[in-house]
């Protein structure tokens, strides 16, 4: 546990220490280390959170694997893009929050540490009846899904949605949200176990993309019409099949990549003929105000569904910070079901 002296010392700018996971060079999972570093100094509009849990997302992989990045990967893309925990201190101009409050936070990074300083407008209370650690699995996925489905687009009852990576951290939540809003949900996954999870979460059509061409299955299940939306975390490897799977004026929303440096030739004529749209979504590039708005929308629209059990975070594995390298290995080989949690060693 973090001593209350952390709060007092930070108020006068004294540098305290904490444990944090980071990597300062590219390479395999072995470059990931847990080290003692300076604790954050809390700004006037920030809160200091004692982290209960954070998550590991696929986007945390890429800086470590990008050997062409001349920048310090750990400083540019620190690990941990969301967290849950308790407030240890509030900044001078923060209102409405106090020490001891439990919160969820949307981060720019740095969540894989004992402490993290967060703008007060990027925190919300966790859903009631959900344990604090599990709440860490919700902010980023929920915000991304709401942004893609309801702000960038207008998902409505009766539409058809294809969700790739249906057994992953975002996919498992996206299936549940799309079903709640009355959509017919198609989901792809890469193993029998993962396909079964998609079905258990309510997906209407579950496809093992390693065993069959999902675009042919989608067309067969929709009498040739295709789907209105595709939520895609795979990227270029699925691009041509995605184009074949879309209905007239359908939209492909790319939220991630298996290979962020890959290229592919695609049928641009189909985009014109079918009036298709391809768009990308990335929470990291949103303005701070947009992120704050997203969190409030998630709290208003998604949290009540979690609280009554209509939607739940799927957590496949939990690791302590000192085993963060094992978490990286698991997600590299697509071994995770749902979210991967990382918790401090002293939890």
Foldseek 3Di string as FASTA:
>chain_A
DDDLVVVVCLVVPHWDKWWFWFAFAADALVRIAIDIDTADRAAQQKFKFQFFWFFFDPVLNPLNHPNVDPHRSCVQQPTGQKTKGFTSGHHNPYPDDDGGAIWIFGHSHGNRIRMDIHRPLGIDHFFPPDDRQQSNLPLPLLLQLCCVDVVVHPQAAAFEEEEEPLQEANNLQNLLVSVVRHYQYEYEDADPVSQVSSVVSPHPHYYNVVVDLVLVVLCVVVVNAAGQEYEAAAPPVCVQSNLSRHGQQHEYEYEHHPDPPDDDDHDVVSCVVSVYYYYYDDPSPDDPVSSSVSSVVCVVPPSVCVNVPSGGADEFEEEESRCVSVVVVCVNVPNGGHIYMYGHPVD
